[in-house]
Amino acid sequence: MNIHAVPGLILVEEQKNSGTKELKSGIAIPESIEGQQRKAKVVSIGYFTKISQDGRGFSYEPTPCKLNDMILFKDGTGWTHKEDNKEYRFLRYDDVLAILEDHE
C-alpha cells in the first residue's frame, strides 16, 4: 500500500461483518441492525507534532490508538479509498469510538 495518513487522520482497513452475532441468550441478530458502529484495523497514523512554548523542541500529540489496533468507529464518518481490492477509510482522531482489546 502506497498511501499514508496525514497529521490528524488515521487510515484504517475496514473489516467485513460476519453477518450475524450471537447474544449470550443464544439469539442470533444481524449485525446490520445491531448498531451504527463499524470495525476496522489501524494501518497508518498521521501524528500531530506540537512545538514547545520556548521553541526549542517538539512532542507528539497523543493518538487514540496505535498501529494494528482493532477499533470501532461510527458508520458514515471519514472518507473512503479503495486500493488492491481492499476498502480503506480515513478517520479523524475523534471518530474513534473504542479500541477492541480481544480481537481475532
N, C-alpha and C. Protein backbone atom coordinates (compact mmCIF):
# COMPACT_ATOMS: atom_id res chain seq x y z
N MET A 1 0.85 -1.17 0.00
CA MET A 1 0.00 0.00 0.00
C MET A 1 0.89 1.24 0.00
N ASN A 2 0.63 2.16 -0.90
CA ASN A 2 1.44 3.37 -1.04
C ASN A 2 0.70 4.62 -0.61
N ILE A 3 -0.06 4.52 0.45
CA ILE A 3 -0.82 5.67 0.93
C ILE A 3 -0.69 5.72 2.45
N HIS A 4 -0.55 6.93 2.98
CA HIS A 4 -0.37 7.12 4.42
C HIS A 4 -1.24 8.27 4.89
N ALA A 5 -1.63 8.24 6.14
CA ALA A 5 -2.46 9.29 6.72
C ALA A 5 -1.63 10.55 6.96
N VAL A 6 -2.24 11.70 6.78
CA VAL A 6 -1.61 12.99 7.09
C VAL A 6 -1.91 13.33 8.55
N PRO A 7 -1.20 14.31 9.12
CA PRO A 7 -1.42 14.64 10.52
C PRO A 7 -2.89 14.87 10.87
N GLY A 8 -3.30 14.25 11.96
CA GLY A 8 -4.67 14.39 12.44
C GLY A 8 -5.62 13.32 11.94
N LEU A 9 -5.15 12.47 11.02
CA LEU A 9 -6.02 11.42 10.48
C LEU A 9 -5.44 10.04 10.74
N ILE A 10 -6.32 9.06 10.75
CA ILE A 10 -5.96 7.66 10.92
C ILE A 10 -6.47 6.93 9.68
N LEU A 11 -5.65 6.07 9.10
CA LEU A 11 -6.07 5.25 7.97
C LEU A 11 -6.36 3.85 8.49
N VAL A 12 -7.56 3.36 8.22
CA VAL A 12 -7.96 2.04 8.70
C VAL A 12 -8.40 1.16 7.54
N GLU A 13 -8.25 -0.15 7.72
CA GLU A 13 -8.76 -1.12 6.77
C GLU A 13 -10.05 -1.68 7.36
N GLU A 14 -11.14 -1.44 6.64
CA GLU A 14 -12.44 -1.88 7.16
C GLU A 14 -12.53 -3.39 7.17
N GLN A 15 -13.14 -3.92 8.22
CA GLN A 15 -13.34 -5.35 8.37
C GLN A 15 -14.78 -5.69 8.00
N LYS A 16 -14.94 -6.76 7.26
CA LYS A 16 -16.28 -7.18 6.85
C LYS A 16 -17.00 -7.81 8.03
N ASN A 17 -18.29 -7.50 8.15
CA ASN A 17 -19.11 -8.13 9.18
C ASN A 17 -19.39 -9.58 8.81
N SER A 18 -19.46 -10.42 9.81
CA SER A 18 -19.74 -11.83 9.56
C SER A 18 -21.20 -12.06 9.21
N GLY A 19 -22.03 -11.08 9.43
CA GLY A 19 -23.44 -11.21 9.07
C GLY A 19 -24.35 -11.31 10.27
N THR A 20 -24.00 -12.14 11.26
CA THR A 20 -24.83 -12.27 12.46
C THR A 20 -23.94 -12.28 13.69
N LYS A 21 -24.57 -11.97 14.80
CA LYS A 21 -23.89 -12.01 16.08
C LYS A 21 -24.79 -12.75 17.05
N GLU A 22 -24.20 -13.67 17.80
CA GLU A 22 -25.00 -14.42 18.76
C GLU A 22 -24.90 -13.77 20.13
N LEU A 23 -26.06 -13.48 20.72
CA LEU A 23 -26.12 -12.90 22.05
C LEU A 23 -25.91 -13.98 23.10
N LYS A 24 -25.66 -13.58 24.35
CA LYS A 24 -25.47 -14.55 25.43
C LYS A 24 -26.68 -15.45 25.60
N SER A 25 -27.83 -14.93 25.27
CA SER A 25 -29.06 -15.72 25.38
C SER A 25 -29.18 -16.77 24.28
N GLY A 26 -28.27 -16.73 23.28
CA GLY A 26 -28.32 -17.69 22.19
C GLY A 26 -29.06 -17.19 20.97
N ILE A 27 -29.63 -16.00 21.04
CA ILE A 27 -30.35 -15.43 19.91
C ILE A 27 -29.35 -14.79 18.95
N ALA A 28 -29.48 -15.10 17.67
CA ALA A 28 -28.61 -14.51 16.65
C ALA A 28 -29.32 -13.32 16.01
N ILE A 29 -28.62 -12.18 15.94
CA ILE A 29 -29.20 -10.99 15.30
C ILE A 29 -28.28 -10.53 14.18
N PRO A 30 -28.84 -9.97 13.11
CA PRO A 30 -27.99 -9.43 12.04
C PRO A 30 -27.17 -8.26 12.56
N GLU A 31 -25.88 -8.22 12.19
CA GLU A 31 -25.03 -7.12 12.64
C GLU A 31 -25.46 -5.79 12.04
N SER A 32 -26.18 -5.83 10.93
CA SER A 32 -26.60 -4.59 10.29
C SER A 32 -27.60 -3.82 11.16
N ILE A 33 -28.33 -4.50 12.04
CA ILE A 33 -29.27 -3.79 12.90
C ILE A 33 -28.76 -3.63 14.33
N GLU A 34 -27.58 -4.20 14.60
CA GLU A 34 -27.05 -4.17 15.96
C GLU A 34 -26.71 -2.75 16.39
N GLY A 35 -26.18 -1.94 15.52
CA GLY A 35 -25.78 -0.60 15.90
C GLY A 35 -25.20 0.14 14.72
N GLN A 36 -24.76 1.33 14.97
CA GLN A 36 -24.24 2.18 13.92
C GLN A 36 -22.72 2.29 13.99
N GLN A 37 -22.04 1.27 14.48
CA GLN A 37 -20.58 1.31 14.51
C GLN A 37 -20.00 0.25 13.59
N ARG A 38 -18.80 0.51 13.11
CA ARG A 38 -18.10 -0.39 12.20
C ARG A 38 -16.77 -0.75 12.82
N LYS A 39 -16.19 -1.87 12.38
CA LYS A 39 -14.92 -2.35 12.90
C LYS A 39 -13.84 -2.15 11.84
N ALA A 40 -12.63 -1.79 12.28
CA ALA A 40 -11.52 -1.58 11.35
C ALA A 40 -10.18 -1.80 12.04
N LYS A 41 -9.16 -2.09 11.23
CA LYS A 41 -7.79 -2.26 11.72
C LYS A 41 -6.98 -1.02 11.32
N VAL A 42 -6.25 -0.45 12.26
CA VAL A 42 -5.44 0.75 12.02
C VAL A 42 -4.19 0.37 11.22
N VAL A 43 -4.01 1.00 10.05
CA VAL A 43 -2.85 0.69 9.20
C VAL A 43 -1.88 1.86 9.06
N SER A 44 -2.31 3.08 9.39
CA SER A 44 -1.43 4.24 9.32
C SER A 44 -1.99 5.34 10.22
N ILE A 45 -1.08 6.06 10.88
CA ILE A 45 -1.49 7.17 11.75
C ILE A 45 -0.72 8.41 11.34
N GLY A 46 -1.43 9.51 11.13
CA GLY A 46 -0.80 10.79 10.86
C GLY A 46 -0.62 11.53 12.17
N TYR A 47 0.61 11.52 12.70
CA TYR A 47 0.87 12.11 14.01
C TYR A 47 0.94 13.63 13.93
N PHE A 48 0.31 14.29 14.89
CA PHE A 48 0.43 15.74 15.05
C PHE A 48 1.70 16.01 15.83
N THR A 49 2.44 17.04 15.46
CA THR A 49 3.57 17.46 16.28
C THR A 49 3.23 18.80 16.91
N LYS A 50 3.78 19.02 18.06
CA LYS A 50 3.49 20.23 18.82
C LYS A 50 4.83 20.85 19.20
N ILE A 51 5.05 22.08 18.81
CA ILE A 51 6.29 22.79 19.14
C ILE A 51 6.18 23.33 20.56
N SER A 52 7.24 23.16 21.35
CA SER A 52 7.23 23.63 22.73
C SER A 52 7.12 25.16 22.76
N GLN A 53 6.67 25.67 23.90
CA GLN A 53 6.47 27.11 24.03
C GLN A 53 7.77 27.90 23.89
N ASP A 54 8.90 27.31 24.29
CA ASP A 54 10.17 28.03 24.16
C ASP A 54 10.76 27.88 22.75
N GLY A 55 10.12 27.07 21.89
CA GLY A 55 10.56 26.93 20.52
C GLY A 55 11.77 26.04 20.33
N ARG A 56 12.20 25.35 21.36
CA ARG A 56 13.42 24.54 21.30
C ARG A 56 13.17 23.06 21.03
N GLY A 57 11.96 22.64 20.98
CA GLY A 57 11.69 21.22 20.80
C GLY A 57 10.27 20.98 20.37
N PHE A 58 9.93 19.73 20.23
CA PHE A 58 8.56 19.38 19.86
C PHE A 58 8.20 18.05 20.49
N SER A 59 6.93 17.77 20.51
CA SER A 59 6.45 16.48 21.03
C SER A 59 5.28 16.04 20.16
N TYR A 60 4.96 14.76 20.25
CA TYR A 60 3.83 14.23 19.51
C TYR A 60 2.56 14.36 20.32
N GLU A 61 1.49 14.75 19.65
CA GLU A 61 0.18 14.78 20.29
C GLU A 61 -0.26 13.34 20.52
N PRO A 62 -0.96 13.07 21.60
CA PRO A 62 -1.42 11.70 21.83
C PRO A 62 -2.46 11.29 20.78
N THR A 63 -2.40 10.03 20.38
CA THR A 63 -3.39 9.49 19.44
C THR A 63 -4.27 8.51 20.20
N PRO A 64 -5.49 8.32 19.74
CA PRO A 64 -6.41 7.43 20.46
C PRO A 64 -6.06 5.95 20.30
N CYS A 65 -5.19 5.61 19.36
CA CYS A 65 -4.89 4.20 19.09
C CYS A 65 -3.48 4.08 18.53
N LYS A 66 -3.06 2.84 18.29
CA LYS A 66 -1.74 2.60 17.71
C LYS A 66 -1.89 1.68 16.50
N LEU A 67 -0.82 1.50 15.75
CA LEU A 67 -0.87 0.65 14.57
C LEU A 67 -1.33 -0.76 14.93
N ASN A 68 -2.12 -1.35 14.05
CA ASN A 68 -2.66 -2.71 14.18
C ASN A 68 -3.74 -2.85 15.23
N ASP A 69 -4.13 -1.77 15.92
CA ASP A 69 -5.28 -1.84 16.83
C ASP A 69 -6.53 -2.11 16.02
N MET A 70 -7.47 -2.82 16.63
CA MET A 70 -8.79 -3.01 16.06
C MET A 70 -9.70 -2.00 16.76
N ILE A 71 -10.36 -1.16 15.98
CA ILE A 71 -11.17 -0.09 16.56
C ILE A 71 -12.62 -0.18 16.10
N LEU A 72 -13.49 0.53 16.81
CA LEU A 72 -14.86 0.75 16.37
C LEU A 72 -14.99 2.22 16.02
N PHE A 73 -15.69 2.51 14.93
CA PHE A 73 -15.95 3.89 14.56
C PHE A 73 -17.39 4.00 14.08
N LYS A 74 -17.93 5.20 14.13
CA LYS A 74 -19.32 5.41 13.75
C LYS A 74 -19.48 5.32 12.24
N ASP A 75 -20.48 4.59 11.81
CA ASP A 75 -20.77 4.44 10.39
C ASP A 75 -21.07 5.80 9.77
N GLY A 76 -20.54 6.03 8.59
CA GLY A 76 -20.79 7.28 7.88
C GLY A 76 -19.75 8.36 8.11
N THR A 77 -18.74 8.09 8.93
CA THR A 77 -17.70 9.09 9.16
C THR A 77 -16.50 8.81 8.27
N GLY A 78 -15.71 9.81 8.06
CA GLY A 78 -14.46 9.66 7.31
C GLY A 78 -14.65 9.63 5.80
N TRP A 79 -13.55 9.29 5.12
CA TRP A 79 -13.51 9.28 3.66
C TRP A 79 -12.97 7.93 3.21
N THR A 80 -13.60 7.34 2.20
CA THR A 80 -13.20 6.01 1.75
C THR A 80 -12.16 6.08 0.63
N HIS A 81 -11.37 5.01 0.53
CA HIS A 81 -10.37 4.86 -0.51
C HIS A 81 -10.24 3.37 -0.81
N LYS A 82 -10.31 3.00 -2.08
CA LYS A 82 -10.16 1.59 -2.47
C LYS A 82 -8.84 1.41 -3.19
N GLU A 83 -8.11 0.35 -2.77
CA GLU A 83 -6.83 0.03 -3.37
C GLU A 83 -6.57 -1.46 -3.19
N ASP A 84 -6.12 -2.13 -4.23
CA ASP A 84 -5.81 -3.56 -4.19
C ASP A 84 -6.99 -4.39 -3.68
N ASN A 85 -8.19 -4.08 -4.14
CA ASN A 85 -9.42 -4.79 -3.76
C ASN A 85 -9.72 -4.74 -2.27
N LYS A 86 -9.19 -3.74 -1.58
CA LYS A 86 -9.47 -3.55 -0.16
C LYS A 86 -10.06 -2.16 0.02
N GLU A 87 -10.91 -2.03 1.02
CA GLU A 87 -11.52 -0.74 1.29
C GLU A 87 -10.90 -0.14 2.54
N TYR A 88 -10.37 1.07 2.38
CA TYR A 88 -9.76 1.81 3.47
C TYR A 88 -10.61 3.03 3.77
N ARG A 89 -10.42 3.58 4.97
CA ARG A 89 -11.16 4.77 5.36
C ARG A 89 -10.23 5.67 6.18
N PHE A 90 -10.25 6.94 5.85
CA PHE A 90 -9.53 7.95 6.64
C PHE A 90 -10.49 8.47 7.69
N LEU A 91 -10.05 8.45 8.95
CA LEU A 91 -10.87 8.92 10.06
C LEU A 91 -10.13 10.00 10.83
N ARG A 92 -10.88 10.91 11.43
CA ARG A 92 -10.28 11.86 12.37
C ARG A 92 -10.07 11.14 13.69
N TYR A 93 -9.17 11.66 14.51
CA TYR A 93 -8.93 11.06 15.82
C TYR A 93 -10.23 10.90 16.60
N ASP A 94 -11.08 11.92 16.55
CA ASP A 94 -12.31 11.87 17.36
C ASP A 94 -13.42 11.00 16.75
N ASP A 95 -13.18 10.38 15.58
CA ASP A 95 -14.13 9.43 15.02
C ASP A 95 -14.02 8.06 15.68
N VAL A 96 -12.92 7.80 16.39
CA VAL A 96 -12.70 6.51 17.04
C VAL A 96 -13.59 6.43 18.28
N LEU A 97 -14.46 5.40 18.31
CA LEU A 97 -15.36 5.23 19.44
C LEU A 97 -14.75 4.35 20.54
N ALA A 98 -14.01 3.30 20.12
CA ALA A 98 -13.45 2.36 21.08
C ALA A 98 -12.32 1.57 20.46
N ILE A 99 -11.47 1.02 21.31
CA ILE A 99 -10.41 0.11 20.89
C ILE A 99 -10.78 -1.27 21.43
N LEU A 100 -10.80 -2.25 20.54
CA LEU A 100 -11.16 -3.61 20.94
C LEU A 100 -9.93 -4.32 21.49
N GLU A 101 -9.99 -4.75 22.72
CA GLU A 101 -8.85 -5.40 23.38
C GLU A 101 -8.64 -6.82 22.86
N ASP A 102 -9.70 -7.60 22.80
CA ASP A 102 -9.60 -9.00 22.38
C ASP A 102 -10.21 -9.13 21.00
N HIS A 103 -9.35 -9.21 19.99
CA HIS A 103 -9.85 -9.38 18.62
C HIS A 103 -9.06 -10.46 17.95
N GLU A 104 -9.70 -11.09 16.93
CA GLU A 104 -9.04 -12.15 16.19
C GLU A 104 -8.26 -11.58 15.06
